Amino acid sequence: MTEMVRPWWRTATVALPGLAAGAVYGWASWCFAGSSAPSGAVALVGGAVLVLGVCAAYSVLVGGTGGLFGALLLALGLLLAVAAADQAAARTAAATCAVREVRTRIQSSAGEGAPPNRTVYRFELDCPGGYPAELKEDRPVAERGQRIRVAFDPAHRVSPELQGRTRPWKAGLWGAALLALSTVIAWAKRRPYGEDRA
């Protein structure tokens, strides 16, 4: 006898990863860059409840080991969606700045098996509006008198960096791959209609 699957069950199971990713990305974007964003505690608890609730619903809808492993992949994909939102919202402003001075400092580590010495470059900047005033890099990106494009957060929550250095598409691409895999598992392992859920 062929087991029938409820049409809404199939749709809900397969649509859940994509809808969850949209909801989590929207929540994270609002929390990171919204003008009326919630406090850090509310953002963290709200995001955790959203991710855990979606993963629990996925596990119940799919069932079995497929539901467990699919929920794990879904959770990782949703966390990567949060990372992509964070990277996209972290430095929303950019300025072209003149390099006034370049200073170098060698950081050394002691002990057996310590990493090699590292050179840190500190660029003193002359930017419109006075911020950012400096940029730290692990490589020489400009010489004195040159102009560079610097991305920064107007609220000064994170340090400035060269424009284009942080790319949210990497986290987004990995997240999309994990979400696609959890969708495939949901499609292949969905619970048939009338199956005992105990």
C-alpha atoms as a PDB file:
ATOM      1  CA  MET A   1       0.000   0.000   0.000  1.00  0.00           C
ATOM      2  CA  THR A   2       1.336   3.398  -0.993  1.00  0.00           C
ATOM      3  CA  GLU A   3       1.449   5.879   1.852  1.00  0.00           C
ATOM      4  CA  MET A   4      -0.011   9.284   1.090  1.00  0.00           C
ATOM      5  CA  VAL A   5       1.588  12.555   2.146  1.00  0.00           C
ATOM      6  CA  ARG A   6      -0.534  15.540   3.129  1.00  0.00           C
ATOM      7  CA  PRO A   7      -0.002  18.324   0.560  1.00  0.00           C
ATOM      8  CA  TRP A   8       0.389  21.045   3.215  1.00  0.00           C
ATOM      9  CA  TRP A   9       2.848  18.858   5.124  1.00  0.00           C
ATOM     10  CA  ARG A  10       5.050  18.509   2.053  1.00  0.00           C
ATOM     11  CA  THR A  11       4.907  22.243   1.332  1.00  0.00           C
ATOM     12  CA  ALA A  12       5.632  23.218   4.944  1.00  0.00           C
ATOM     13  CA  THR A  13       8.511  20.768   5.200  1.00  0.00           C
ATOM     14  CA  VAL A  14      10.221  21.883   2.009  1.00  0.00           C
ATOM     15  CA  ALA A  15       9.530  25.619   2.452  1.00  0.00           C
ATOM     16  CA  LEU A  16      10.683  25.788   6.080  1.00  0.00           C
ATOM     17  CA  PRO A  17      14.473  26.188   5.488  1.00  0.00           C
ATOM     18  CA  GLY A  18      14.037  29.053   3.008  1.00  0.00           C
ATOM     19  CA  LEU A  19      11.411  30.862   5.072  1.00  0.00           C
ATOM     20  CA  ALA A  20      13.493  30.407   8.213  1.00  0.00           C
ATOM     21  CA  ALA A  21      16.591  31.805   6.504  1.00  0.00           C
ATOM     22  CA  GLY A  22      14.642  34.881   5.406  1.00  0.00           C
ATOM     23  CA  ALA A  23      13.242  35.417   8.902  1.00  0.00           C
ATOM     24  CA  VAL A  24      16.604  34.939  10.640  1.00  0.00           C
ATOM     25  CA  TYR A  25      18.437  37.174   8.152  1.00  0.00           C
ATOM     26  CA  GLY A  26      15.777  39.875   8.569  1.00  0.00           C
ATOM     27  CA  TRP A  27      15.941  39.651  12.374  1.00  0.00           C
ATOM     28  CA  ALA A  28      19.740  39.789  12.371  1.00  0.00           C
ATOM     29  CA  SER A  29      19.842  42.699   9.907  1.00  0.00           C
ATOM     30  CA  TRP A  30      17.405  44.675  12.040  1.00  0.00           C
ATOM     31  CA  CYS A  31      19.352  43.882  15.217  1.00  0.00           C
ATOM     32  CA  PHE A  32      22.711  44.835  13.684  1.00  0.00           C
ATOM     33  CA  ALA A  33      21.775  47.905  11.661  1.00  0.00           C
ATOM     34  CA  GLY A  34      18.241  48.988  12.496  1.00  0.00           C
ATOM     35  CA  SER A  35      17.665  52.504  13.769  1.00  0.00           C
ATOM     36  CA  SER A  36      15.363  51.125  16.485  1.00  0.00           C
ATOM     37  CA  ALA A  37      17.188  47.841  17.079  1.00  0.00           C
ATOM     38  CA  PRO A  38      16.518  45.918  20.298  1.00  0.00           C
ATOM     39  CA  SER A  39      19.059  45.614  23.094  1.00  0.00           C
ATOM     40  CA  GLY A  40      21.791  43.009  22.802  1.00  0.00           C
ATOM     41  CA  ALA A  41      20.087  40.629  25.245  1.00  0.00           C
ATOM     42  CA  VAL A  42      16.737  40.815  23.446  1.00  0.00           C
ATOM     43  CA  ALA A  43      18.449  40.350  20.080  1.00  0.00           C
ATOM     44  CA  LEU A  44      20.357  37.297  21.306  1.00  0.00           C
ATOM     45  CA  VAL A  45      17.401  35.640  23.040  1.00  0.00           C
ATOM     46  CA  GLY A  46      15.035  36.414  20.167  1.00  0.00           C
ATOM     47  CA  GLY A  47      17.466  35.014  17.613  1.00  0.00           C
ATOM     48  CA  ALA A  48      18.115  31.899  19.700  1.00  0.00           C
ATOM     49  CA  VAL A  49      14.387  31.239  20.137  1.00  0.00           C
ATOM     50  CA  LEU A  50      13.841  31.714  16.408  1.00  0.00           C
ATOM     51  CA  VAL A  51      16.683  29.356  15.392  1.00  0.00           C
ATOM     52  CA  LEU A  52      15.858  26.688  17.995  1.00  0.00           C
ATOM     53  CA  GLY A  53      12.128  26.863  17.256  1.00  0.00           C
ATOM     54  CA  VAL A  54      12.652  26.462  13.528  1.00  0.00           C
ATOM     55  CA  CYS A  55      15.055  23.555  14.050  1.00  0.00           C
ATOM     56  CA  ALA A  56      12.610  21.823  16.416  1.00  0.00           C
ATOM     57  CA  ALA A  57       9.756  22.272  13.929  1.00  0.00           C
ATOM     58  CA  TYR A  58      11.955  20.921  11.129  1.00  0.00           C
ATOM     59  CA  SER A  59      12.908  17.876  13.196  1.00  0.00           C
ATOM     60  CA  VAL A  60       9.250  17.142  13.982  1.00  0.00           C
ATOM     61  CA  LEU A  61       8.119  17.646  10.384  1.00  0.00           C
ATOM     62  CA  VAL A  62      10.855  15.472   8.872  1.00  0.00           C
ATOM     63  CA  GLY A  63      11.312  12.926  11.660  1.00  0.00           C
ATOM     64  CA  GLY A  64      13.901  10.233  12.237  1.00  0.00           C
ATOM     65  CA  THR A  65      17.619  10.595  11.723  1.00  0.00           C
ATOM     66  CA  GLY A  66      17.000  12.682   8.611  1.00  0.00           C
ATOM     67  CA  GLY A  67      15.163  15.189  10.771  1.00  0.00           C
ATOM     68  CA  LEU A  68      17.987  15.276  13.301  1.00  0.00           C
ATOM     69  CA  PHE A  69      20.805  15.745  10.797  1.00  0.00           C
ATOM     70  CA  GLY A  70      18.728  18.058   8.632  1.00  0.00           C
ATOM     71  CA  ALA A  71      17.979  20.216  11.694  1.00  0.00           C
ATOM     72  CA  LEU A  72      21.705  20.355  12.453  1.00  0.00           C
ATOM     73  CA  LEU A  73      22.457  21.493   8.888  1.00  0.00           C
ATOM     74  CA  LEU A  74      19.588  23.965   9.109  1.00  0.00           C
ATOM     75  CA  ALA A  75      20.963  25.422  12.364  1.00  0.00           C
ATOM     76  CA  LEU A  76      24.418  25.850  10.821  1.00  0.00           C
ATOM     77  CA  GLY A  77      22.901  27.464   7.719  1.00  0.00           C
ATOM     78  CA  LEU A  78      20.888  29.874   9.859  1.00  0.00           C
ATOM     79  CA  LEU A  79      23.963  30.819  11.891  1.00  0.00           C
ATOM     80  CA  LEU A  80      25.788  31.546   8.634  1.00  0.00           C
ATOM     81  CA  ALA A  81      22.841  33.752   7.615  1.00  0.00           C
ATOM     82  CA  VAL A  82      23.390  35.679  10.856  1.00  0.00           C
ATOM     83  CA  ALA A  83      27.106  35.970  10.041  1.00  0.00           C
ATOM     84  CA  ALA A  84      26.290  37.284   6.553  1.00  0.00           C
ATOM     85  CA  ALA A  85      23.897  39.866   8.016  1.00  0.00           C
ATOM     86  CA  ASP A  86      26.540  40.916  10.531  1.00  0.00           C
ATOM     87  CA  GLN A  87      29.199  41.335   7.850  1.00  0.00           C
ATOM     88  CA  ALA A  88      26.829  43.237   5.568  1.00  0.00           C
ATOM     89  CA  ALA A  89      25.706  45.619   8.314  1.00  0.00           C
ATOM     90  CA  ALA A  90      28.946  46.097  10.247  1.00  0.00           C
ATOM     91  CA  ARG A  91      30.563  48.830   8.158  1.00  0.00           C
ATOM     92  CA  THR A  92      27.878  50.727   6.278  1.00  0.00           C
ATOM     93  CA  ALA A  93      29.819  53.918   5.526  1.00  0.00           C
ATOM     94  CA  ALA A  94      32.955  54.516   3.469  1.00  0.00           C
ATOM     95  CA  ALA A  95      35.357  57.403   2.981  1.00  0.00           C
ATOM     96  CA  THR A  96      38.374  58.181   0.849  1.00  0.00           C
ATOM     97  CA  CYS A  97      41.186  59.058   3.227  1.00  0.00           C
ATOM     98  CA  ALA A  98      44.726  60.333   2.803  1.00  0.00           C
ATOM     99  CA  VAL A  99      47.490  58.432   4.566  1.00  0.00           C
ATOM    100  CA  ARG A 100      49.393  60.881   6.788  1.00  0.00           C
ATOM    101  CA  GLU A 101      51.839  58.471   8.354  1.00  0.00           C
ATOM    102  CA  VAL A 102      52.663  54.764   8.278  1.00  0.00           C
ATOM    103  CA  ARG A 103      54.057  53.158  11.427  1.00  0.00           C
ATOM    104  CA  THR A 104      55.130  49.557  11.821  1.00  0.00           C
ATOM    105  CA  ARG A 105      55.440  47.420  14.902  1.00  0.00           C
ATOM    106  CA  ILE A 106      56.723  43.884  15.162  1.00  0.00           C
ATOM    107  CA  GLN A 107      54.761  41.623  17.472  1.00  0.00           C
ATOM    108  CA  SER A 108      56.713  38.662  18.727  1.00  0.00           C
ATOM    109  CA  SER A 109      55.581  35.587  20.571  1.00  0.00           C
ATOM    110  CA  ALA A 110      57.605  33.683  23.129  1.00  0.00           C
ATOM    111  CA  GLY A 111      57.666  30.014  23.946  1.00  0.00           C
ATOM    112  CA  GLU A 112      58.223  26.733  22.235  1.00  0.00           C
ATOM    113  CA  GLY A 113      56.242  26.372  19.035  1.00  0.00           C
ATOM    114  CA  ALA A 114      55.236  30.036  19.061  1.00  0.00           C
ATOM    115  CA  PRO A 115      54.106  31.579  15.782  1.00  0.00           C
ATOM    116  CA  PRO A 116      56.626  33.680  13.872  1.00  0.00           C
ATOM    117  CA  ASN A 117      56.945  37.424  14.399  1.00  0.00           C
ATOM    118  CA  ARG A 118      54.179  39.478  12.854  1.00  0.00           C
ATOM    119  CA  THR A 119      54.401  43.002  11.480  1.00  0.00           C
ATOM    120  CA  VAL A 120      51.439  45.284  12.165  1.00  0.00           C
ATOM    121  CA  TYR A 121      51.032  48.386  10.001  1.00  0.00           C
ATOM    122  CA  ARG A 122      49.282  51.376  11.551  1.00  0.00           C
ATOM    123  CA  PHE A 123      48.102  53.978   9.059  1.00  0.00           C
ATOM    124  CA  GLU A 124      47.290  57.415  10.437  1.00  0.00           C
ATOM    125  CA  LEU A 125      44.522  58.818   8.254  1.00  0.00           C
ATOM    126  CA  ASP A 126      43.140  62.195   7.294  1.00  0.00           C
ATOM    127  CA  CYS A 127      39.478  61.492   6.537  1.00  0.00           C
ATOM    128  CA  PRO A 128      36.526  63.818   5.930  1.00  0.00           C
ATOM    129  CA  GLY A 129      34.855  64.441   9.281  1.00  0.00           C
ATOM    130  CA  GLY A 130      37.911  63.211  11.196  1.00  0.00           C
ATOM    131  CA  TYR A 131      36.860  59.568  11.457  1.00  0.00           C
ATOM    132  CA  PRO A 132      38.389  57.064  11.059  1.00  0.00           C
ATOM    133  CA  ALA A 133      41.689  58.431  12.315  1.00  0.00           C
ATOM    134  CA  GLU A 134      43.678  55.220  11.905  1.00  0.00           C
ATOM    135  CA  LEU A 135      43.644  51.845  10.239  1.00  0.00           C
ATOM    136  CA  LYS A 136      45.564  48.745  11.314  1.00  0.00           C
ATOM    137  CA  GLU A 137      46.518  46.090   8.796  1.00  0.00           C
ATOM    138  CA  ASP A 138      48.833  43.112   8.651  1.00  0.00           C
ATOM    139  CA  ARG A 139      50.253  44.184   5.290  1.00  0.00           C
ATOM    140  CA  PRO A 140      51.333  47.461   3.702  1.00  0.00           C
ATOM    141  CA  VAL A 141      48.323  48.756   1.759  1.00  0.00           C
ATOM    142  CA  ALA A 142      49.475  52.312   1.031  1.00  0.00           C
ATOM    143  CA  GLU A 143      52.354  54.694   1.450  1.00  0.00           C
ATOM    144  CA  ARG A 144      52.403  58.134   2.988  1.00  0.00           C
ATOM    145  CA  GLY A 145      50.448  60.610   0.848  1.00  0.00           C
ATOM    146  CA  GLN A 146      48.369  57.989  -0.961  1.00  0.00           C
ATOM    147  CA  ARG A 147      44.591  57.824  -0.736  1.00  0.00           C
ATOM    148  CA  ILE A 148      42.720  54.699   0.294  1.00  0.00           C
ATOM    149  CA  ARG A 149      39.053  53.790   0.570  1.00  0.00           C
ATOM    150  CA  VAL A 150      38.095  52.851   4.138  1.00  0.00           C
ATOM    151  CA  ALA A 151      34.837  51.218   5.272  1.00  0.00           C
ATOM    152  CA  PHE A 152      33.675  52.052   8.800  1.00  0.00           C
ATOM    153  CA  ASP A 153      30.754  51.928  11.182  1.00  0.00           C
ATOM    154  CA  PRO A 154      29.358  55.421  11.883  1.00  0.00           C
ATOM    155  CA  ALA A 155      28.387  54.257  15.396  1.00  0.00           C
ATOM    156  CA  HIS A 156      32.029  53.189  16.070  1.00  0.00           C
ATOM    157  CA  ARG A 157      31.011  49.652  17.132  1.00  0.00           C
ATOM    158  CA  VAL A 158      33.711  47.921  15.052  1.00  0.00           C
ATOM    159  CA  SER A 159      37.116  49.033  13.852  1.00  0.00           C
ATOM    160  CA  PRO A 160      37.494  50.363  10.304  1.00  0.00           C
ATOM    161  CA  GLU A 161      38.972  48.287   7.497  1.00  0.00           C
ATOM    162  CA  LEU A 162      39.779  48.582   3.823  1.00  0.00           C
ATOM    163  CA  GLN A 163      36.644  48.730   1.726  1.00  0.00           C
ATOM    164  CA  GLY A 164      35.857  45.391   0.111  1.00  0.00           C
ATOM    165  CA  ARG A 165      37.854  43.325   2.569  1.00  0.00           C
ATOM    166  CA  THR A 166      34.825  41.800   4.306  1.00  0.00           C
ATOM    167  CA  ARG A 167      32.590  39.959   1.904  1.00  0.00           C
ATOM    168  CA  PRO A 168      29.264  38.697   3.264  1.00  0.00           C
ATOM    169  CA  TRP A 169      28.725  36.529   0.193  1.00  0.00           C
ATOM    170  CA  LYS A 170      31.101  33.837   1.512  1.00  0.00           C
ATOM    171  CA  ALA A 171      29.014  33.188   4.617  1.00  0.00           C
ATOM    172  CA  GLY A 172      25.859  33.585   2.547  1.00  0.00           C
ATOM    173  CA  LEU A 173      27.030  31.064  -0.043  1.00  0.00           C
ATOM    174  CA  TRP A 174      27.962  28.450   2.556  1.00  0.00           C
ATOM    175  CA  GLY A 175      24.688  29.097   4.367  1.00  0.00           C
ATOM    176  CA  ALA A 176      22.717  28.663   1.135  1.00  0.00           C
ATOM    177  CA  ALA A 177      24.480  25.350   0.474  1.00  0.00           C
ATOM    178  CA  LEU A 178      23.605  24.043   3.950  1.00  0.00           C
ATOM    179  CA  LEU A 179      20.017  25.274   3.641  1.00  0.00           C
ATOM    180  CA  ALA A 180      19.707  23.585   0.235  1.00  0.00           C
ATOM    181  CA  LEU A 181      20.992  20.340   1.726  1.00  0.00           C
ATOM    182  CA  SER A 182      18.498  20.534   4.587  1.00  0.00           C
ATOM    183  CA  THR A 183      15.738  21.179   2.013  1.00  0.00           C
ATOM    184  CA  VAL A 184      16.789  18.084   0.048  1.00  0.00           C
ATOM    185  CA  ILE A 185      16.732  16.018   3.248  1.00  0.00           C
ATOM    186  CA  ALA A 186      13.283  17.417   4.062  1.00  0.00           C
ATOM    187  CA  TRP A 187      12.032  16.473   0.603  1.00  0.00           C
ATOM    188  CA  ALA A 188      13.461  12.956   0.760  1.00  0.00           C
ATOM    189  CA  LYS A 189      12.678  12.150   4.405  1.00  0.00           C
ATOM    190  CA  ARG A 190       9.343  13.858   5.051  1.00  0.00           C
ATOM    191  CA  ARG A 191       6.923  11.917   7.233  1.00  0.00           C
ATOM    192  CA  PRO A 192       4.133  10.158   5.376  1.00  0.00           C
ATOM    193  CA  TYR A 193       0.521  10.817   6.301  1.00  0.00           C
ATOM    194  CA  GLY A 194      -0.717   8.555   9.075  1.00  0.00           C
ATOM    195  CA  GLU A 195       2.734   7.484  10.290  1.00  0.00           C
ATOM    196  CA  ASP A 196       3.007   7.045  14.038  1.00  0.00           C
ATOM    197  CA  ARG A 197       5.088   9.869  15.451  1.00  0.00           C
ATOM    198  CA  ALA A 198       5.973   8.117  18.704  1.00  0.00           C
END
